[in-house]
Amino acid sequence: MNHIAHTPSRPAALLTVQALGDIEYLVKESEVLTGRAGRSFVIAGADRLSYRVHWHPLGFKVERLGEGGCVLNTRHLLPWEFSQHSLAQALACGQLFTAPVPRVSRAFGAPGAGA
């Protein structure tokens, strides 16, 4: 799951999403570590389509993002419907990526931080 792909048009490294089941983990990881709902994913290609995915027990909320992160479209999908979405299709082709989540700094009250 933690393979890194370097893209020439963007200097930051992206993580390649390896399996459909990883999406739930990646979304939850981002929410826990950042305190913000959802996680952004990018479909590699000429258009570099961006999406924000939110997970909840009944399925997924998928937001198609435009320039500057504005939401263009929102779909609510049950787990079996998600496998037919363009994100899952990009995953099957090895073209789905997400940015690594920044780790919490110890200076801001993380466990083990000195007072």
N, C-alpha and C. Protein backbone atom coordinates (compact mmCIF):
# COMPACT_ATOMS: atom_id res chain seq x y z
N MET A 1 0.81 -1.18 0.00
CA MET A 1 0.00 0.00 0.00
C MET A 1 0.86 1.25 0.00
N ASN A 2 2.03 1.25 0.55
CA ASN A 2 2.82 2.45 0.69
C ASN A 2 3.89 2.59 -0.37
N HIS A 3 3.54 2.33 -1.63
CA HIS A 3 4.46 2.58 -2.71
C HIS A 3 4.39 4.05 -3.06
N ILE A 4 5.52 4.64 -3.42
CA ILE A 4 5.56 6.05 -3.72
C ILE A 4 5.81 6.24 -5.20
N ALA A 5 5.03 7.10 -5.81
CA ALA A 5 5.20 7.40 -7.23
C ALA A 5 5.58 8.87 -7.36
N HIS A 6 6.60 9.15 -8.10
CA HIS A 6 7.01 10.52 -8.35
C HIS A 6 6.45 10.95 -9.70
N THR A 7 5.73 12.06 -9.71
CA THR A 7 5.17 12.53 -10.96
C THR A 7 5.93 13.78 -11.39
N PRO A 8 6.30 13.87 -12.65
CA PRO A 8 7.11 14.99 -13.10
C PRO A 8 6.42 16.34 -12.97
N SER A 9 5.09 16.39 -13.07
CA SER A 9 4.40 17.66 -13.02
C SER A 9 4.19 18.16 -11.59
N ARG A 10 4.54 17.35 -10.61
CA ARG A 10 4.31 17.71 -9.22
C ARG A 10 5.47 17.18 -8.39
N PRO A 11 6.17 18.06 -7.69
CA PRO A 11 7.36 17.61 -6.96
C PRO A 11 7.07 16.74 -5.75
N ALA A 12 5.89 16.86 -5.14
CA ALA A 12 5.58 16.06 -3.95
C ALA A 12 5.30 14.61 -4.34
N ALA A 13 5.76 13.69 -3.51
CA ALA A 13 5.52 12.27 -3.77
C ALA A 13 4.08 11.92 -3.41
N LEU A 14 3.50 11.00 -4.16
CA LEU A 14 2.15 10.52 -3.89
C LEU A 14 2.21 9.04 -3.58
N LEU A 15 1.28 8.57 -2.77
CA LEU A 15 1.17 7.15 -2.47
C LEU A 15 0.24 6.49 -3.48
N THR A 16 0.64 5.35 -3.99
CA THR A 16 -0.21 4.59 -4.88
C THR A 16 -1.19 3.78 -4.05
N VAL A 17 -2.47 3.88 -4.35
CA VAL A 17 -3.48 3.09 -3.66
C VAL A 17 -3.45 1.70 -4.30
N GLN A 18 -3.30 0.67 -3.47
CA GLN A 18 -3.08 -0.68 -3.98
C GLN A 18 -4.34 -1.53 -4.08
N ALA A 19 -5.31 -1.32 -3.20
CA ALA A 19 -6.49 -2.18 -3.17
C ALA A 19 -7.71 -1.37 -2.75
N LEU A 20 -8.88 -1.83 -3.17
CA LEU A 20 -10.13 -1.15 -2.85
C LEU A 20 -10.32 -1.03 -1.34
N GLY A 21 -9.94 -2.06 -0.60
CA GLY A 21 -10.06 -2.03 0.85
C GLY A 21 -9.16 -1.01 1.52
N ASP A 22 -8.11 -0.58 0.83
CA ASP A 22 -7.20 0.42 1.39
C ASP A 22 -7.85 1.80 1.48
N ILE A 23 -8.84 2.06 0.66
CA ILE A 23 -9.45 3.39 0.64
C ILE A 23 -10.09 3.71 1.99
N GLU A 24 -10.82 2.76 2.56
CA GLU A 24 -11.42 2.99 3.88
C GLU A 24 -10.34 3.30 4.92
N TYR A 25 -9.25 2.50 4.92
CA TYR A 25 -8.16 2.73 5.87
C TYR A 25 -7.53 4.11 5.66
N LEU A 26 -7.25 4.46 4.41
CA LEU A 26 -6.60 5.73 4.12
C LEU A 26 -7.46 6.92 4.53
N VAL A 27 -8.77 6.83 4.31
CA VAL A 27 -9.68 7.91 4.70
C VAL A 27 -9.70 8.04 6.22
N LYS A 28 -9.85 6.92 6.92
CA LYS A 28 -9.87 6.96 8.39
C LYS A 28 -8.54 7.47 8.95
N GLU A 29 -7.43 7.02 8.37
CA GLU A 29 -6.11 7.48 8.82
C GLU A 29 -6.01 8.99 8.72
N SER A 30 -6.43 9.54 7.59
CA SER A 30 -6.37 10.98 7.38
C SER A 30 -7.26 11.72 8.37
N GLU A 31 -8.46 11.21 8.60
CA GLU A 31 -9.38 11.87 9.53
C GLU A 31 -8.84 11.88 10.95
N VAL A 32 -8.23 10.79 11.37
CA VAL A 32 -7.69 10.70 12.73
C VAL A 32 -6.48 11.62 12.89
N LEU A 33 -5.58 11.61 11.92
CA LEU A 33 -4.33 12.37 12.05
C LEU A 33 -4.48 13.86 11.78
N THR A 34 -5.46 14.24 10.96
CA THR A 34 -5.60 15.67 10.62
C THR A 34 -6.78 16.33 11.31
N GLY A 35 -7.77 15.53 11.76
CA GLY A 35 -8.96 16.10 12.35
C GLY A 35 -9.95 16.66 11.33
N ARG A 36 -9.66 16.46 10.04
CA ARG A 36 -10.55 16.92 8.97
C ARG A 36 -11.22 15.73 8.31
N ALA A 37 -12.47 15.91 7.91
CA ALA A 37 -13.23 14.83 7.30
C ALA A 37 -12.75 14.54 5.88
N GLY A 38 -12.69 13.26 5.56
CA GLY A 38 -12.37 12.83 4.20
C GLY A 38 -10.88 12.83 3.88
N ARG A 39 -10.59 12.37 2.66
CA ARG A 39 -9.21 12.35 2.16
C ARG A 39 -9.27 12.56 0.66
N SER A 40 -8.29 13.27 0.13
CA SER A 40 -8.24 13.55 -1.29
C SER A 40 -7.49 12.46 -2.04
N PHE A 41 -7.99 12.17 -3.23
CA PHE A 41 -7.37 11.19 -4.13
C PHE A 41 -7.26 11.82 -5.51
N VAL A 42 -6.27 11.38 -6.28
CA VAL A 42 -6.04 11.89 -7.62
C VAL A 42 -5.98 10.73 -8.59
N ILE A 43 -6.67 10.88 -9.71
CA ILE A 43 -6.55 9.90 -10.79
C ILE A 43 -5.49 10.43 -11.74
N ALA A 44 -4.42 9.65 -11.92
CA ALA A 44 -3.33 10.05 -12.80
C ALA A 44 -3.83 10.08 -14.24
N GLY A 45 -3.36 11.02 -14.99
CA GLY A 45 -3.75 11.16 -16.38
C GLY A 45 -3.61 12.60 -16.79
N ALA A 46 -3.97 12.90 -18.00
CA ALA A 46 -3.83 14.25 -18.51
C ALA A 46 -4.66 15.25 -17.70
N ASP A 47 -5.84 14.83 -17.25
CA ASP A 47 -6.72 15.74 -16.52
C ASP A 47 -6.44 15.82 -15.03
N ARG A 48 -5.75 14.81 -14.47
CA ARG A 48 -5.46 14.74 -13.03
C ARG A 48 -6.72 15.04 -12.21
N LEU A 49 -7.75 14.22 -12.38
CA LEU A 49 -9.02 14.41 -11.69
C LEU A 49 -8.84 14.23 -10.19
N SER A 50 -9.42 15.13 -9.42
CA SER A 50 -9.29 15.09 -7.96
C SER A 50 -10.65 14.81 -7.32
N TYR A 51 -10.60 14.00 -6.26
CA TYR A 51 -11.80 13.63 -5.51
C TYR A 51 -11.49 13.70 -4.03
N ARG A 52 -12.52 13.97 -3.21
CA ARG A 52 -12.42 13.82 -1.76
C ARG A 52 -13.41 12.73 -1.38
N VAL A 53 -12.93 11.75 -0.63
CA VAL A 53 -13.77 10.62 -0.22
C VAL A 53 -13.97 10.67 1.29
N HIS A 54 -15.23 10.54 1.69
CA HIS A 54 -15.61 10.44 3.10
C HIS A 54 -16.16 9.04 3.31
N TRP A 55 -15.77 8.40 4.41
CA TRP A 55 -16.27 7.06 4.71
C TRP A 55 -17.27 7.15 5.85
N HIS A 56 -18.32 6.35 5.77
CA HIS A 56 -19.23 6.16 6.90
C HIS A 56 -19.73 4.71 6.83
N PRO A 57 -20.27 4.19 7.90
CA PRO A 57 -20.62 2.76 7.95
C PRO A 57 -21.51 2.26 6.81
N LEU A 58 -22.31 3.13 6.23
CA LEU A 58 -23.21 2.69 5.15
C LEU A 58 -22.59 2.81 3.76
N GLY A 59 -21.44 3.43 3.65
CA GLY A 59 -20.83 3.57 2.33
C GLY A 59 -19.88 4.74 2.25
N PHE A 60 -19.88 5.38 1.09
CA PHE A 60 -18.93 6.45 0.82
C PHE A 60 -19.65 7.69 0.30
N LYS A 61 -19.10 8.84 0.64
CA LYS A 61 -19.52 10.10 0.01
C LYS A 61 -18.33 10.52 -0.84
N VAL A 62 -18.55 10.67 -2.13
CA VAL A 62 -17.47 11.00 -3.06
C VAL A 62 -17.74 12.38 -3.65
N GLU A 63 -16.80 13.29 -3.46
CA GLU A 63 -16.92 14.64 -4.00
C GLU A 63 -15.91 14.82 -5.12
N ARG A 64 -16.36 15.21 -6.28
CA ARG A 64 -15.48 15.55 -7.40
C ARG A 64 -15.04 16.98 -7.17
N LEU A 65 -13.73 17.22 -7.16
CA LEU A 65 -13.19 18.54 -6.86
C LEU A 65 -12.71 19.24 -8.13
N GLY A 66 -12.94 20.53 -8.18
CA GLY A 66 -12.48 21.34 -9.30
C GLY A 66 -11.22 22.10 -8.92
N GLU A 67 -10.91 23.10 -9.70
CA GLU A 67 -9.76 23.96 -9.43
C GLU A 67 -9.89 24.57 -8.04
N GLY A 68 -8.82 24.57 -7.30
CA GLY A 68 -8.83 25.17 -5.97
C GLY A 68 -9.58 24.37 -4.91
N GLY A 69 -10.01 23.16 -5.25
CA GLY A 69 -10.65 22.30 -4.27
C GLY A 69 -12.14 22.50 -4.10
N CYS A 70 -12.77 23.29 -4.98
CA CYS A 70 -14.22 23.48 -4.86
C CYS A 70 -14.96 22.21 -5.31
N VAL A 71 -16.04 21.90 -4.62
CA VAL A 71 -16.81 20.68 -4.91
C VAL A 71 -17.69 20.92 -6.13
N LEU A 72 -17.50 20.08 -7.15
CA LEU A 72 -18.28 20.17 -8.38
C LEU A 72 -19.49 19.24 -8.37
N ASN A 73 -19.34 18.09 -7.70
CA ASN A 73 -20.38 17.07 -7.71
C ASN A 73 -20.21 16.19 -6.48
N THR A 74 -21.31 15.73 -5.92
CA THR A 74 -21.27 14.83 -4.76
C THR A 74 -22.13 13.61 -5.04
N ARG A 75 -21.59 12.44 -4.73
CA ARG A 75 -22.35 11.19 -4.86
C ARG A 75 -22.24 10.40 -3.57
N HIS A 76 -23.34 9.80 -3.15
CA HIS A 76 -23.37 8.91 -1.99
C HIS A 76 -23.48 7.50 -2.54
N LEU A 77 -22.50 6.65 -2.20
CA LEU A 77 -22.43 5.31 -2.78
C LEU A 77 -22.40 4.24 -1.70
N LEU A 78 -23.15 3.19 -1.91
CA LEU A 78 -23.06 2.01 -1.06
C LEU A 78 -21.77 1.28 -1.41
N PRO A 79 -21.24 0.45 -0.51
CA PRO A 79 -19.95 -0.20 -0.78
C PRO A 79 -19.89 -0.92 -2.13
N TRP A 80 -20.94 -1.65 -2.51
CA TRP A 80 -20.89 -2.37 -3.78
C TRP A 80 -21.03 -1.43 -4.98
N GLU A 81 -21.60 -0.24 -4.78
CA GLU A 81 -21.67 0.75 -5.86
C GLU A 81 -20.33 1.42 -6.08
N PHE A 82 -19.56 1.57 -5.00
CA PHE A 82 -18.26 2.23 -5.10
C PHE A 82 -17.33 1.49 -6.06
N SER A 83 -17.46 0.18 -6.13
CA SER A 83 -16.58 -0.60 -7.00
C SER A 83 -16.81 -0.30 -8.48
N GLN A 84 -17.92 0.37 -8.82
CA GLN A 84 -18.19 0.76 -10.21
C GLN A 84 -17.82 2.22 -10.49
N HIS A 85 -17.38 2.95 -9.47
CA HIS A 85 -17.03 4.36 -9.63
C HIS A 85 -15.70 4.50 -10.37
N SER A 86 -15.47 5.64 -10.97
CA SER A 86 -14.23 5.87 -11.72
C SER A 86 -12.99 5.79 -10.82
N LEU A 87 -13.13 6.06 -9.51
CA LEU A 87 -11.99 5.89 -8.60
C LEU A 87 -11.56 4.42 -8.53
N ALA A 88 -12.53 3.52 -8.43
CA ALA A 88 -12.22 2.09 -8.38
C ALA A 88 -11.65 1.62 -9.72
N GLN A 89 -12.15 2.15 -10.81
CA GLN A 89 -11.63 1.79 -12.13
C GLN A 89 -10.19 2.27 -12.30
N ALA A 90 -9.88 3.47 -11.82
CA ALA A 90 -8.51 3.98 -11.86
C ALA A 90 -7.59 3.13 -10.99
N LEU A 91 -8.09 2.72 -9.85
CA LEU A 91 -7.34 1.84 -8.94
C LEU A 91 -6.95 0.54 -9.66
N ALA A 92 -7.90 -0.04 -10.37
CA ALA A 92 -7.65 -1.30 -11.08
C ALA A 92 -6.57 -1.13 -12.15
N CYS A 93 -6.41 0.09 -12.65
CA CYS A 93 -5.39 0.37 -13.67
C CYS A 93 -4.08 0.90 -13.07
N GLY A 94 -4.02 0.98 -11.75
CA GLY A 94 -2.81 1.50 -11.09
C GLY A 94 -2.66 3.00 -11.22
N GLN A 95 -3.77 3.72 -11.38
CA GLN A 95 -3.71 5.17 -11.59
C GLN A 95 -4.33 5.99 -10.48
N LEU A 96 -4.54 5.38 -9.30
CA LEU A 96 -5.14 6.11 -8.18
C LEU A 96 -4.08 6.41 -7.13
N PHE A 97 -3.98 7.68 -6.76
CA PHE A 97 -2.95 8.14 -5.84
C PHE A 97 -3.55 9.03 -4.76
N THR A 98 -2.84 9.15 -3.64
CA THR A 98 -3.20 10.07 -2.57
C THR A 98 -1.91 10.62 -1.96
N ALA A 99 -2.00 11.80 -1.41
CA ALA A 99 -0.84 12.41 -0.76
C ALA A 99 -0.64 11.79 0.62
N PRO A 100 0.61 11.69 1.06
CA PRO A 100 0.85 11.20 2.43
C PRO A 100 0.25 12.18 3.45
N VAL A 101 -0.19 11.65 4.57
CA VAL A 101 -0.75 12.49 5.63
C VAL A 101 0.39 13.02 6.48
N PRO A 102 0.43 14.33 6.70
CA PRO A 102 1.48 14.87 7.56
C PRO A 102 1.31 14.38 8.99
N ARG A 103 2.40 14.04 9.63
CA ARG A 103 2.35 13.55 11.00
C ARG A 103 2.23 14.73 11.97
N VAL A 104 1.55 14.49 13.08
CA VAL A 104 1.36 15.52 14.10
C VAL A 104 2.70 15.83 14.76
N SER A 105 2.98 17.10 14.95
CA SER A 105 4.22 17.52 15.58
C SER A 105 4.17 17.26 17.07
N ARG A 106 5.28 16.84 17.64
CA ARG A 106 5.35 16.61 19.07
C ARG A 106 5.23 17.90 19.86
N ALA A 107 5.50 19.03 19.23
CA ALA A 107 5.44 20.32 19.92
C ALA A 107 4.00 20.73 20.24
N PHE A 108 3.02 20.10 19.63
CA PHE A 108 1.64 20.52 19.82
C PHE A 108 0.85 19.55 20.67
N GLY A 109 1.47 18.95 21.67
CA GLY A 109 0.73 18.15 22.63
C GLY A 109 0.56 16.70 22.25
N ALA A 110 1.32 16.22 21.29
CA ALA A 110 1.25 14.81 20.91
C ALA A 110 1.82 13.99 22.06
N PRO A 111 1.42 12.72 22.18
CA PRO A 111 1.92 11.88 23.26
C PRO A 111 3.46 11.87 23.29
N GLY A 112 3.99 12.02 24.46
CA GLY A 112 5.44 12.00 24.62
C GLY A 112 6.07 13.38 24.56
N ALA A 113 5.27 14.41 24.33
CA ALA A 113 5.81 15.77 24.25
C ALA A 113 6.09 16.29 25.65
N GLY A 114 7.18 16.97 25.77
CA GLY A 114 7.52 17.56 27.05
C GLY A 114 6.75 18.84 27.30
N ALA A 115 6.53 19.19 28.58
CA ALA A 115 5.75 20.39 28.88
C ALA A 115 6.61 21.61 28.97
